[in-house]
Each structure stands twice: as structure tokens, then as C-alpha cells.
Amino acid sequence: MEDKKLLKWVFIMLLAPLVLAYFSNGGESFRYPCQNPDNWDKPMCKMPACDVTRTCPEHIFKGQRDPRLGPPKDEPNKTTTTPAPSASFGPTTQGANCGK
């Protein structure tokens, strides 16, 4: 009888955190209300109200665009290419303290 009771409590203790984690965040959650793009037009996310708490979108994203919005529509998608490193097999120069 004690084994069944112990097994039941172990099962509940293992299942409880999973259930709480599943139901605790019903949707997107944001640390600051002005991180949510839906709130950007509200007075709480406009200057000077948000400037006091430093929670304006400009402060939160530090001048960067919110990555969830995707690339801006007015600016073409910039692709950057990195040049391939050149392989040189010639003599290498040594620093001042490396000895010669």
C-alpha cells in the first residue's frame, strides 16, 4: 500500500512542473510592455512617458529594429559577403618580442 502511495506522489511531483510550465505562458510574453509591437502606438510607449523608465522601443532595442518584424519593406535586403582569406605561403613577419 505504501509503495502505491509513494509511486503516486512521485508521479505527481514529476508531472506538476511540466503542467505548470505548459500553462504558465499562454502566449508571447515580453519583459517590457513596449517590446510588444502591438503597444508601440500606445501613449505608454511614446515620449516622454516611456523616457522616464527607459522602456521606449528606442531604448529597449538600442536603435536596432525588432528582429521579429523581419526586414524593412522600404530597404532592400542587404546581403553581405565576406572575402575569402588569402592563402600566402611566403615568409611571415615576426613581432618585436618573438626573436629572429
Protein backbone atom coordinates (compact mmCIF):
# COMPACT_ATOMS: atom_id res chain seq x y z
CA MET A 1 0.00 0.00 0.00
CA GLU A 2 2.82 2.42 0.86
CA ASP A 3 4.51 1.68 -2.46
CA LYS A 4 1.43 2.73 -4.41
CA LYS A 5 1.13 5.93 -2.40
CA LEU A 6 4.83 6.70 -2.91
CA LEU A 7 4.58 5.98 -6.63
CA LYS A 8 1.56 8.26 -6.90
CA TRP A 9 3.40 11.13 -5.20
CA VAL A 10 6.50 10.66 -7.34
CA PHE A 11 4.33 10.75 -10.46
CA ILE A 12 2.58 13.93 -9.27
CA MET A 13 5.88 15.60 -8.38
CA LEU A 14 7.28 14.81 -11.82
CA LEU A 15 4.15 15.84 -13.68
CA ALA A 16 3.38 19.05 -11.76
CA PRO A 17 6.33 21.14 -13.10
CA LEU A 18 5.52 20.08 -16.66
CA VAL A 19 1.89 21.09 -16.31
CA LEU A 20 2.81 24.40 -14.69
CA ALA A 21 5.35 25.18 -17.42
CA TYR A 22 2.85 24.36 -20.14
CA PHE A 23 0.06 26.54 -18.80
CA SER A 24 2.08 29.40 -17.31
CA ASN A 25 2.84 31.11 -20.63
CA GLY A 26 -0.31 31.16 -22.71
CA GLY A 27 1.19 33.30 -25.47
CA GLU A 28 4.04 35.63 -26.14
CA SER A 29 5.42 37.27 -23.08
CA PHE A 30 7.54 40.39 -23.03
CA ARG A 31 9.78 41.71 -20.29
CA TYR A 32 8.70 45.28 -21.01
CA PRO A 33 5.30 46.26 -22.40
CA CYS A 34 6.95 48.38 -25.10
CA GLN A 35 8.74 45.33 -26.51
CA ASN A 36 5.39 44.17 -27.84
CA PRO A 37 4.88 45.72 -31.30
CA ASP A 38 1.14 45.97 -30.56
CA ASN A 39 1.88 48.54 -27.83
CA TRP A 40 4.16 50.82 -29.86
CA ASP A 41 1.31 53.19 -30.76
CA LYS A 42 0.01 53.44 -27.19
CA PRO A 43 0.81 56.52 -25.07
CA MET A 44 2.81 54.48 -22.55
CA CYS A 45 5.36 53.69 -25.29
CA LYS A 46 5.68 57.26 -26.59
CA MET A 47 8.00 60.01 -25.41
CA PRO A 48 8.11 61.48 -22.74
CA ALA A 49 6.18 58.86 -20.73
CA CYS A 50 8.49 55.97 -21.56
CA ASP A 51 11.65 58.07 -21.44
CA VAL A 52 11.47 58.27 -17.65
CA THR A 53 11.54 54.49 -17.25
CA ARG A 54 13.79 53.98 -20.32
CA THR A 55 11.33 51.48 -21.78
CA CYS A 56 10.74 53.16 -25.13
CA PRO A 57 11.26 50.87 -28.13
CA GLU A 58 14.29 53.02 -28.99
CA HIS A 59 15.80 52.28 -25.58
CA ILE A 60 14.90 48.60 -25.46
CA PHE A 61 16.22 47.76 -28.91
CA LYS A 62 19.06 50.32 -28.69
CA GLY A 63 18.40 51.72 -32.12
CA GLN A 64 18.04 48.30 -33.72
CA ARG A 65 14.92 47.08 -35.43
CA ASP A 66 12.89 44.41 -33.67
CA PRO A 67 14.04 41.16 -35.32
CA ARG A 68 10.55 39.64 -35.15
CA LEU A 69 9.29 42.19 -37.68
CA GLY A 70 11.60 40.94 -40.41
CA PRO A 71 13.49 43.14 -42.87
CA PRO A 72 12.10 46.62 -43.50
CA LYS A 73 9.90 46.92 -46.58
CA ASP A 74 11.41 50.18 -47.84
CA GLU A 75 15.01 48.96 -47.66
CA PRO A 76 16.18 46.15 -49.97
CA ASN A 77 17.58 43.06 -48.33
CA LYS A 78 21.31 43.56 -47.96
CA THR A 79 23.48 40.52 -48.33
CA THR A 80 26.99 40.80 -47.09
CA THR A 81 29.75 38.62 -48.34
CA THR A 82 32.97 38.11 -46.56
CA PRO A 83 36.05 37.93 -48.69
CA ALA A 84 37.83 34.62 -48.65
CA PRO A 85 41.09 34.75 -46.71
CA SER A 86 44.07 34.79 -48.99
CA ALA A 87 46.45 31.92 -48.50
CA SER A 88 50.01 33.15 -48.53
CA PHE A 89 52.80 30.66 -48.11
CA GLY A 90 55.60 33.22 -48.13
CA PRO A 91 57.76 34.25 -45.19
CA THR A 92 55.88 35.60 -42.21
CA THR A 93 57.00 38.59 -40.26
CA GLN A 94 57.62 38.21 -36.58
CA GLY A 95 56.77 40.59 -33.84
CA ALA A 96 59.32 42.61 -31.86
CA ASN A 97 59.49 40.15 -28.97
CA CYS A 98 59.49 36.91 -30.97
CA GLY A 99 63.23 36.75 -31.66
CA LYS A 100 64.81 36.43 -35.03
